[in-house]
Amino acid sequence: MQNNYIYRYNNRTMLEPQLLASLIRKHRKAAKLTQVQLAEMAGVGKTAVFDLEKGKETVQLDTLRKILAVLNIKVQLISPFLNQIVNHEKG
């Protein structure tokens, strides 16, 4: 079984890393930030931003989360087990 990472933006499913790369680049440019400025604001190395915008898949999850937060991009998790997990952690 192959694992696919699914990103959603405005109900559009993005399975390919290049689509995420394009989305990040578009948000960065709309915010009038350079790659270096985005990296500084997110507290990550500039190489991480370069790699993400190239569609590289080896960026750490924490690094991705920091960059998405700066760009105000939300990621939605959809799973049939999500409610069960959330309720278990609350109780």
PDB file of N, CA and C in Angstrom:
ATOM      1  N   MET A   1       0.841  -1.186   0.000  1.00  0.00           N
ATOM      2  CA  MET A   1       0.000   0.000   0.000  1.00  0.00           C
ATOM      3  C   MET A   1       0.881   1.243   0.000  1.00  0.00           C
ATOM      4  N   GLN A   2       0.597   2.180  -0.890  1.00  0.00           N
ATOM      5  CA  GLN A   2       1.366   3.405  -1.004  1.00  0.00           C
ATOM      6  C   GLN A   2       0.766   4.475  -0.102  1.00  0.00           C
ATOM      7  N   ASN A   3       1.624   5.204   0.607  1.00  0.00           N
ATOM      8  CA  ASN A   3       1.154   6.308   1.431  1.00  0.00           C
ATOM      9  C   ASN A   3       1.115   7.566   0.595  1.00  0.00           C
ATOM     10  N   ASN A   4      -0.002   8.246   0.585  1.00  0.00           N
ATOM     11  CA  ASN A   4      -0.124   9.527  -0.086  1.00  0.00           C
ATOM     12  C   ASN A   4      -0.365  10.599   0.959  1.00  0.00           C
ATOM     13  N   TYR A   5       0.330  11.701   0.821  1.00  0.00           N
ATOM     14  CA  TYR A   5       0.108  12.842   1.695  1.00  0.00           C
ATOM     15  C   TYR A   5      -0.884  13.747   0.994  1.00  0.00           C
ATOM     16  N   ILE A   6      -1.932  14.108   1.695  1.00  0.00           N
ATOM     17  CA  ILE A   6      -2.989  14.901   1.092  1.00  0.00           C
ATOM     18  C   ILE A   6      -3.020  16.259   1.768  1.00  0.00           C
ATOM     19  N   TYR A   7      -2.942  17.292   0.978  1.00  0.00           N
ATOM     20  CA  TYR A   7      -3.069  18.655   1.454  1.00  0.00           C
ATOM     21  C   TYR A   7      -4.351  19.206   0.859  1.00  0.00           C
ATOM     22  N   ARG A   8      -5.093  19.983   1.625  1.00  0.00           N
ATOM     23  CA  ARG A   8      -6.331  20.565   1.115  1.00  0.00           C
ATOM     24  C   ARG A   8      -6.237  22.079   1.200  1.00  0.00           C
ATOM     25  N   TYR A   9      -6.690  22.719   0.154  1.00  0.00           N
ATOM     26  CA  TYR A   9      -6.776  24.175   0.124  1.00  0.00           C
ATOM     27  C   TYR A   9      -8.034  24.521  -0.662  1.00  0.00           C
ATOM     28  N   ASN A  10      -8.953  25.193  -0.004  1.00  0.00           N
ATOM     29  CA  ASN A  10     -10.237  25.535  -0.630  1.00  0.00           C
ATOM     30  C   ASN A  10     -10.877  24.317  -1.298  1.00  0.00           C
ATOM     31  N   ASN A  11     -10.908  23.219  -0.565  1.00  0.00           N
ATOM     32  CA  ASN A  11     -11.515  21.960  -1.010  1.00  0.00           C
ATOM     33  C   ASN A  11     -10.817  21.343  -2.224  1.00  0.00           C
ATOM     34  N   ARG A  12      -9.622  21.760  -2.514  1.00  0.00           N
ATOM     35  CA  ARG A  12      -8.858  21.148  -3.605  1.00  0.00           C
ATOM     36  C   ARG A  12      -7.833  20.210  -2.990  1.00  0.00           C
ATOM     37  N   THR A  13      -7.867  18.974  -3.375  1.00  0.00           N
ATOM     38  CA  THR A  13      -6.924  17.993  -2.854  1.00  0.00           C
ATOM     39  C   THR A  13      -5.634  18.080  -3.642  1.00  0.00           C
ATOM     40  N   MET A  14      -4.536  18.168  -2.910  1.00  0.00           N
ATOM     41  CA  MET A  14      -3.235  18.263  -3.553  1.00  0.00           C
ATOM     42  C   MET A  14      -2.380  17.088  -3.114  1.00  0.00           C
ATOM     43  N   LEU A  15      -2.173  16.141  -3.980  1.00  0.00           N
ATOM     44  CA  LEU A  15      -1.363  14.980  -3.657  1.00  0.00           C
ATOM     45  C   LEU A  15       0.100  15.186  -4.028  1.00  0.00           C
ATOM     46  N   GLU A  16       0.366  16.074  -4.939  1.00  0.00           N
ATOM     47  CA  GLU A  16       1.713  16.246  -5.435  1.00  0.00           C
ATOM     48  C   GLU A  16       2.453  17.338  -4.673  1.00  0.00           C
ATOM     49  N   PRO A  17       3.693  17.071  -4.282  1.00  0.00           N
ATOM     50  CA  PRO A  17       4.492  18.081  -3.572  1.00  0.00           C
ATOM     51  C   PRO A  17       4.638  19.378  -4.370  1.00  0.00           C
ATOM     52  N   GLN A  18       4.638  19.286  -5.694  1.00  0.00           N
ATOM     53  CA  GLN A  18       4.810  20.491  -6.511  1.00  0.00           C
ATOM     54  C   GLN A  18       3.624  21.440  -6.356  1.00  0.00           C
ATOM     55  N   LEU A  19       2.433  20.912  -6.100  1.00  0.00           N
ATOM     56  CA  LEU A  19       1.280  21.781  -5.864  1.00  0.00           C
ATOM     57  C   LEU A  19       1.418  22.535  -4.544  1.00  0.00           C
ATOM     58  N   LEU A  20       1.918  21.852  -3.522  1.00  0.00           N
ATOM     59  CA  LEU A  20       2.178  22.523  -2.244  1.00  0.00           C
ATOM     60  C   LEU A  20       3.260  23.575  -2.435  1.00  0.00           C
ATOM     61  N   ALA A  21       4.284  23.253  -3.195  1.00  0.00           N
ATOM     62  CA  ALA A  21       5.370  24.194  -3.471  1.00  0.00           C
ATOM     63  C   ALA A  21       4.828  25.455  -4.136  1.00  0.00           C
ATOM     64  N   SER A  22       3.969  25.278  -5.118  1.00  0.00           N
ATOM     65  CA  SER A  22       3.391  26.424  -5.830  1.00  0.00           C
ATOM     66  C   SER A  22       2.520  27.266  -4.909  1.00  0.00           C
ATOM     67  N   LEU A  23       1.770  26.612  -4.042  1.00  0.00           N
ATOM     68  CA  LEU A  23       0.913  27.318  -3.095  1.00  0.00           C
ATOM     69  C   LEU A  23       1.747  28.163  -2.136  1.00  0.00           C
ATOM     70  N   ILE A  24       2.812  27.596  -1.608  1.00  0.00           N
ATOM     71  CA  ILE A  24       3.682  28.326  -0.684  1.00  0.00           C
ATOM     72  C   ILE A  24       4.323  29.515  -1.400  1.00  0.00           C
ATOM     73  N   ARG A  25       4.825  29.299  -2.597  1.00  0.00           N
ATOM     74  CA  ARG A  25       5.452  30.378  -3.366  1.00  0.00           C
ATOM     75  C   ARG A  25       4.457  31.509  -3.632  1.00  0.00           C
ATOM     76  N   LYS A  26       3.233  31.150  -4.022  1.00  0.00           N
ATOM     77  CA  LYS A  26       2.201  32.150  -4.320  1.00  0.00           C
ATOM     78  C   LYS A  26       1.867  32.992  -3.083  1.00  0.00           C
ATOM     79  N   HIS A  27       1.711  32.335  -1.935  1.00  0.00           N
ATOM     80  CA  HIS A  27       1.424  33.055  -0.685  1.00  0.00           C
ATOM     81  C   HIS A  27       2.594  33.948  -0.292  1.00  0.00           C
ATOM     82  N   ARG A  28       3.816  33.439  -0.445  1.00  0.00           N
ATOM     83  CA  ARG A  28       5.003  34.226  -0.084  1.00  0.00           C
ATOM     84  C   ARG A  28       5.081  35.487  -0.938  1.00  0.00           C
ATOM     85  N   LYS A  29       4.881  35.329  -2.229  1.00  0.00           N
ATOM     86  CA  LYS A  29       4.956  36.481  -3.130  1.00  0.00           C
ATOM     87  C   LYS A  29       3.819  37.466  -2.875  1.00  0.00           C
ATOM     88  N   ALA A  30       2.627  36.949  -2.571  1.00  0.00           N
ATOM     89  CA  ALA A  30       1.492  37.824  -2.248  1.00  0.00           C
ATOM     90  C   ALA A  30       1.773  38.639  -0.986  1.00  0.00           C
ATOM     91  N   ALA A  31       2.543  38.045  -0.079  1.00  0.00           N
ATOM     92  CA  ALA A  31       2.920  38.741   1.160  1.00  0.00           C
ATOM     93  C   ALA A  31       4.133  39.649   0.938  1.00  0.00           C
ATOM     94  N   LYS A  32       4.663  39.668  -0.301  1.00  0.00           N
ATOM     95  CA  LYS A  32       5.823  40.486  -0.663  1.00  0.00           C
ATOM     96  C   LYS A  32       7.042  40.152   0.189  1.00  0.00           C
ATOM     97  N   LEU A  33       7.248  38.851   0.389  1.00  0.00           N
ATOM     98  CA  LEU A  33       8.394  38.369   1.156  1.00  0.00           C
ATOM     99  C   LEU A  33       9.372  37.663   0.231  1.00  0.00           C
ATOM    100  N   THR A  34      10.650  37.832   0.506  1.00  0.00           N
ATOM    101  CA  THR A  34      11.643  37.020  -0.180  1.00  0.00           C
ATOM    102  C   THR A  34      11.708  35.675   0.531  1.00  0.00           C
ATOM    103  N   GLN A  35      12.371  34.727  -0.079  1.00  0.00           N
ATOM    104  CA  GLN A  35      12.539  33.428   0.568  1.00  0.00           C
ATOM    105  C   GLN A  35      13.313  33.578   1.873  1.00  0.00           C
ATOM    106  N   VAL A  36      14.308  34.438   1.877  1.00  0.00           N
ATOM    107  CA  VAL A  36      15.122  34.658   3.080  1.00  0.00           C
ATOM    108  C   VAL A  36      14.280  35.306   4.177  1.00  0.00           C
ATOM    109  N   GLN A  37      13.457  36.278   3.822  1.00  0.00           N
ATOM    110  CA  GLN A  37      12.598  36.931   4.815  1.00  0.00           C
ATOM    111  C   GLN A  37      11.617  35.936   5.423  1.00  0.00           C
ATOM    112  N   LEU A  38      11.022  35.091   4.580  1.00  0.00           N
ATOM    113  CA  LEU A  38      10.093  34.079   5.084  1.00  0.00           C
ATOM    114  C   LEU A  38      10.804  33.138   6.052  1.00  0.00           C
ATOM    115  N   ALA A  39      11.985  32.703   5.690  1.00  0.00           N
ATOM    116  CA  ALA A  39      12.759  31.810   6.565  1.00  0.00           C
ATOM    117  C   ALA A  39      13.030  32.473   7.910  1.00  0.00           C
ATOM    118  N   GLU A  40      13.431  33.747   7.879  1.00  0.00           N
ATOM    119  CA  GLU A  40      13.710  34.464   9.129  1.00  0.00           C
ATOM    120  C   GLU A  40      12.459  34.589   9.982  1.00  0.00           C
ATOM    121  N   MET A  41      11.341  34.936   9.373  1.00  0.00           N
ATOM    122  CA  MET A  41      10.087  35.084  10.121  1.00  0.00           C
ATOM    123  C   MET A  41       9.630  33.762  10.727  1.00  0.00           C
ATOM    124  N   ALA A  42       9.872  32.664  10.014  1.00  0.00           N
ATOM    125  CA  ALA A  42       9.458  31.342  10.497  1.00  0.00           C
ATOM    126  C   ALA A  42      10.475  30.749  11.466  1.00  0.00           C
ATOM    127  N   GLY A  43      11.654  31.336  11.534  1.00  0.00           N
ATOM    128  CA  GLY A  43      12.688  30.794  12.419  1.00  0.00           C
ATOM    129  C   GLY A  43      13.290  29.506  11.893  1.00  0.00           C
ATOM    130  N   VAL A  44      13.395  29.412  10.559  1.00  0.00           N
ATOM    131  CA  VAL A  44      13.965  28.224   9.926  1.00  0.00           C
ATOM    132  C   VAL A  44      15.098  28.654   9.002  1.00  0.00           C
ATOM    133  N   GLY A  45      15.858  27.698   8.562  1.00  0.00           N
ATOM    134  CA  GLY A  45      16.929  27.995   7.621  1.00  0.00           C
ATOM    135  C   GLY A  45      16.376  28.316   6.241  1.00  0.00           C
ATOM    136  N   LYS A  46      17.089  29.191   5.520  1.00  0.00           N
ATOM    137  CA  LYS A  46      16.617  29.588   4.189  1.00  0.00           C
ATOM    138  C   LYS A  46      16.543  28.401   3.233  1.00  0.00           C
ATOM    139  N   THR A  47      17.396  27.404   3.452  1.00  0.00           N
ATOM    140  CA  THR A  47      17.383  26.219   2.597  1.00  0.00           C
ATOM    141  C   THR A  47      16.039  25.501   2.681  1.00  0.00           C
ATOM    142  N   ALA A  48      15.405  25.536   3.837  1.00  0.00           N
ATOM    143  CA  ALA A  48      14.102  24.881   4.002  1.00  0.00           C
ATOM    144  C   ALA A  48      13.063  25.507   3.076  1.00  0.00           C
ATOM    145  N   VAL A  49      13.070  26.833   2.987  1.00  0.00           N
ATOM    146  CA  VAL A  49      12.121  27.518   2.108  1.00  0.00           C
ATOM    147  C   VAL A  49      12.455  27.215   0.653  1.00  0.00           C
ATOM    148  N   PHE A  50      13.739  27.263   0.309  1.00  0.00           N
ATOM    149  CA  PHE A  50      14.154  26.939  -1.061  1.00  0.00           C
ATOM    150  C   PHE A  50      13.679  25.536  -1.430  1.00  0.00           C
ATOM    151  N   ASP A  51      13.942  24.586  -0.530  1.00  0.00           N
ATOM    152  CA  ASP A  51      13.581  23.186  -0.792  1.00  0.00           C
ATOM    153  C   ASP A  51      12.077  23.003  -0.946  1.00  0.00           C
ATOM    154  N   LEU A  52      11.297  23.636  -0.067  1.00  0.00           N
ATOM    155  CA  LEU A  52       9.838  23.522  -0.150  1.00  0.00           C
ATOM    156  C   LEU A  52       9.322  24.054  -1.481  1.00  0.00           C
ATOM    157  N   GLU A  53       9.854  25.189  -1.898  1.00  0.00           N
ATOM    158  CA  GLU A  53       9.388  25.790  -3.138  1.00  0.00           C
ATOM    159  C   GLU A  53       9.858  25.025  -4.378  1.00  0.00           C
ATOM    160  N   LYS A  54      10.810  24.137  -4.195  1.00  0.00           N
ATOM    161  CA  LYS A  54      11.246  23.267  -5.288  1.00  0.00           C
ATOM    162  C   LYS A  54      10.454  21.957  -5.289  1.00  0.00           C
ATOM    163  N   GLY A  55       9.623  21.755  -4.273  1.00  0.00           N
ATOM    164  CA  GLY A  55       8.818  20.538  -4.195  1.00  0.00           C
ATOM    165  C   GLY A  55       9.541  19.385  -3.534  1.00  0.00           C
ATOM    166  N   LYS A  56      10.625  19.685  -2.840  1.00  0.00           N
ATOM    167  CA  LYS A  56      11.379  18.634  -2.161  1.00  0.00           C
ATOM    168  C   LYS A  56      10.538  18.060  -1.020  1.00  0.00           C
ATOM    169  N   GLU A  57      10.571  16.758  -0.860  1.00  0.00           N
ATOM    170  CA  GLU A  57       9.698  16.089   0.107  1.00  0.00           C
ATOM    171  C   GLU A  57      10.366  15.784   1.442  1.00  0.00           C
ATOM    172  N   THR A  58      11.599  16.187   1.639  1.00  0.00           N
ATOM    173  CA  THR A  58      12.323  15.806   2.850  1.00  0.00           C
ATOM    174  C   THR A  58      12.328  16.885   3.927  1.00  0.00           C
ATOM    175  N   VAL A  59      11.504  17.892   3.795  1.00  0.00           N
ATOM    176  CA  VAL A  59      11.437  18.951   4.798  1.00  0.00           C
ATOM    177  C   VAL A  59      10.735  18.409   6.035  1.00  0.00           C
ATOM    178  N   GLN A  60      11.261  18.749   7.207  1.00  0.00           N
ATOM    179  CA  GLN A  60      10.678  18.248   8.456  1.00  0.00           C
ATOM    180  C   GLN A  60       9.294  18.861   8.684  1.00  0.00           C
ATOM    181  N   LEU A  61       8.429  18.081   9.300  1.00  0.00           N
ATOM    182  CA  LEU A  61       7.062  18.518   9.561  1.00  0.00           C
ATOM    183  C   LEU A  61       7.036  19.811  10.382  1.00  0.00           C
ATOM    184  N   ASP A  62       7.858  19.909  11.408  1.00  0.00           N
ATOM    185  CA  ASP A  62       7.885  21.109  12.245  1.00  0.00           C
ATOM    186  C   ASP A  62       8.268  22.338  11.427  1.00  0.00           C
ATOM    187  N   THR A  63       9.208  22.175  10.518  1.00  0.00           N
ATOM    188  CA  THR A  63       9.627  23.271   9.649  1.00  0.00           C
ATOM    189  C   THR A  63       8.469  23.689   8.738  1.00  0.00           C
ATOM    190  N   LEU A  64       7.799  22.725   8.152  1.00  0.00           N
ATOM    191  CA  LEU A  64       6.646  23.017   7.302  1.00  0.00           C
ATOM    192  C   LEU A  64       5.570  23.759   8.084  1.00  0.00           C
ATOM    193  N   ARG A  65       5.294  23.309   9.289  1.00  0.00           N
ATOM    194  CA  ARG A  65       4.266  23.948  10.121  1.00  0.00           C
ATOM    195  C   ARG A  65       4.612  25.406  10.400  1.00  0.00           C
ATOM    196  N   LYS A  66       5.870  25.695  10.688  1.00  0.00           N
ATOM    197  CA  LYS A  66       6.303  27.073  10.962  1.00  0.00           C
ATOM    198  C   LYS A  66       6.109  27.963   9.739  1.00  0.00           C
ATOM    199  N   ILE A  67       6.483  27.460   8.576  1.00  0.00           N
ATOM    200  CA  ILE A  67       6.347  28.235   7.347  1.00  0.00           C
ATOM    201  C   ILE A  67       4.883  28.466   7.013  1.00  0.00           C
ATOM    202  N   LEU A  68       4.056  27.442   7.138  1.00  0.00           N
ATOM    203  CA  LEU A  68       2.630  27.585   6.874  1.00  0.00           C
ATOM    204  C   LEU A  68       1.987  28.587   7.822  1.00  0.00           C
ATOM    205  N   ALA A  69       2.425  28.593   9.084  1.00  0.00           N
ATOM    206  CA  ALA A  69       1.866  29.525  10.063  1.00  0.00           C
ATOM    207  C   ALA A  69       2.170  30.976   9.677  1.00  0.00           C
ATOM    208  N   VAL A  70       3.389  31.244   9.257  1.00  0.00           N
ATOM    209  CA  VAL A  70       3.760  32.595   8.851  1.00  0.00           C
ATOM    210  C   VAL A  70       2.919  33.046   7.665  1.00  0.00           C
ATOM    211  N   LEU A  71       2.650  32.142   6.740  1.00  0.00           N
ATOM    212  CA  LEU A  71       1.885  32.478   5.544  1.00  0.00           C
ATOM    213  C   LEU A  71       0.372  32.387   5.754  1.00  0.00           C
ATOM    214  N   ASN A  72      -0.028  32.036   6.968  1.00  0.00           N
ATOM    215  CA  ASN A  72      -1.442  31.899   7.321  1.00  0.00           C
ATOM    216  C   ASN A  72      -2.148  30.860   6.440  1.00  0.00           C
ATOM    217  N   ILE A  73      -1.459  29.753   6.209  1.00  0.00           N
ATOM    218  CA  ILE A  73      -2.036  28.632   5.462  1.00  0.00           C
ATOM    219  C   ILE A  73      -2.441  27.579   6.470  1.00  0.00           C
ATOM    220  N   LYS A  74      -3.681  27.178   6.424  1.00  0.00           N
ATOM    221  CA  LYS A  74      -4.210  26.163   7.339  1.00  0.00           C
ATOM    222  C   LYS A  74      -4.238  24.803   6.643  1.00  0.00           C
ATOM    223  N   VAL A  75      -3.926  23.772   7.380  1.00  0.00           N
ATOM    224  CA  VAL A  75      -3.989  22.401   6.879  1.00  0.00           C
ATOM    225  C   VAL A  75      -5.105  21.695   7.624  1.00  0.00           C
ATOM    226  N   GLN A  76      -5.967  21.031   6.898  1.00  0.00           N
ATOM    227  CA  GLN A  76      -7.099  20.331   7.496  1.00  0.00           C
ATOM    228  C   GLN A  76      -6.858  18.830   7.397  1.00  0.00           C
ATOM    229  N   LEU A  77      -6.955  18.153   8.524  1.00  0.00           N
ATOM    230  CA  LEU A  77      -6.841  16.698   8.541  1.00  0.00           C
ATOM    231  C   LEU A  77      -8.234  16.096   8.456  1.00  0.00           C
ATOM    232  N   ILE A  78      -8.378  15.144   7.570  1.00  0.00           N
ATOM    233  CA  ILE A  78      -9.657  14.464   7.412  1.00  0.00           C
ATOM    234  C   ILE A  78      -9.409  12.973   7.598  1.00  0.00           C
ATOM    235  N   SER A  79     -10.074  12.400   8.586  1.00  0.00           N
ATOM    236  CA  SER A  79      -9.887  10.991   8.886  1.00  0.00           C
ATOM    237  C   SER A  79     -11.134  10.461   9.578  1.00  0.00           C
ATOM    238  N   PRO A  80     -11.512   9.234   9.281  1.00  0.00           N
ATOM    239  CA  PRO A  80     -12.655   8.658   9.988  1.00  0.00           C
ATOM    240  C   PRO A  80     -12.349   8.413  11.467  1.00  0.00           C
ATOM    241  N   PHE A  81     -11.085   8.468  11.847  1.00  0.00           N
ATOM    242  CA  PHE A  81     -10.693   8.223  13.236  1.00  0.00           C
ATOM    243  C   PHE A  81     -10.431   9.498  14.032  1.00  0.00           C
ATOM    244  N   LEU A  82     -10.519  10.657  13.389  1.00  0.00           N
ATOM    245  CA  LEU A  82     -10.155  11.901  14.040  1.00  0.00           C
ATOM    246  C   LEU A  82     -10.978  12.167  15.299  1.00  0.00           C
ATOM    247  N   ASN A  83     -12.298  12.051  15.227  1.00  0.00           N
ATOM    248  CA  ASN A  83     -13.146  12.303  16.401  1.00  0.00           C
ATOM    249  C   ASN A  83     -12.823  11.339  17.537  1.00  0.00           C
ATOM    250  N   GLN A  84     -12.594  10.095  17.195  1.00  0.00           N
ATOM    251  CA  GLN A  84     -12.268   9.084  18.203  1.00  0.00           C
ATOM    252  C   GLN A  84     -10.970   9.453  18.930  1.00  0.00           C
ATOM    253  N   ILE A  85      -9.977   9.874  18.212  1.00  0.00           N
ATOM    254  CA  ILE A  85      -8.691  10.243  18.808  1.00  0.00           C
ATOM    255  C   ILE A  85      -8.829  11.488  19.659  1.00  0.00           C
ATOM    256  N   VAL A  86      -9.510  12.519  19.132  1.00  0.00           N
ATOM    257  CA  VAL A  86      -9.692  13.771  19.876  1.00  0.00           C
ATOM    258  C   VAL A  86     -10.466  13.521  21.158  1.00  0.00           C
ATOM    259  N   ASN A  87     -11.533  12.733  21.085  1.00  0.00           N
ATOM    260  CA  ASN A  87     -12.340  12.445  22.276  1.00  0.00           C
ATOM    261  C   ASN A  87     -11.554  11.633  23.293  1.00  0.00           C
ATOM    262  N   HIS A  88     -10.702  10.720  22.841  1.00  0.00           N
ATOM    263  CA  HIS A  88      -9.891   9.912  23.744  1.00  0.00           C
ATOM    264  C   HIS A  88      -8.872  10.794  24.475  1.00  0.00           C
ATOM    265  N   GLU A  89      -8.278  11.744  23.779  1.00  0.00           N
ATOM    266  CA  GLU A  89      -7.281  12.624  24.401  1.00  0.00           C
ATOM    267  C   GLU A  89      -7.919  13.589  25.387  1.00  0.00           C
ATOM    268  N   LYS A  90      -9.184  13.950  25.191  1.00  0.00           N
ATOM    269  CA  LYS A  90      -9.889  14.841  26.104  1.00  0.00           C
ATOM    270  C   LYS A  90     -10.284  14.115  27.393  1.00  0.00           C
ATOM    271  N   GLY A  91     -10.613  12.830  27.257  1.00  0.00           N
ATOM    272  CA  GLY A  91     -11.170  12.080  28.384  1.00  0.00           C
ATOM    273  C   GLY A  91     -10.143  11.377  29.123  1.00  0.00           C
TER     274      GLY A  91
END
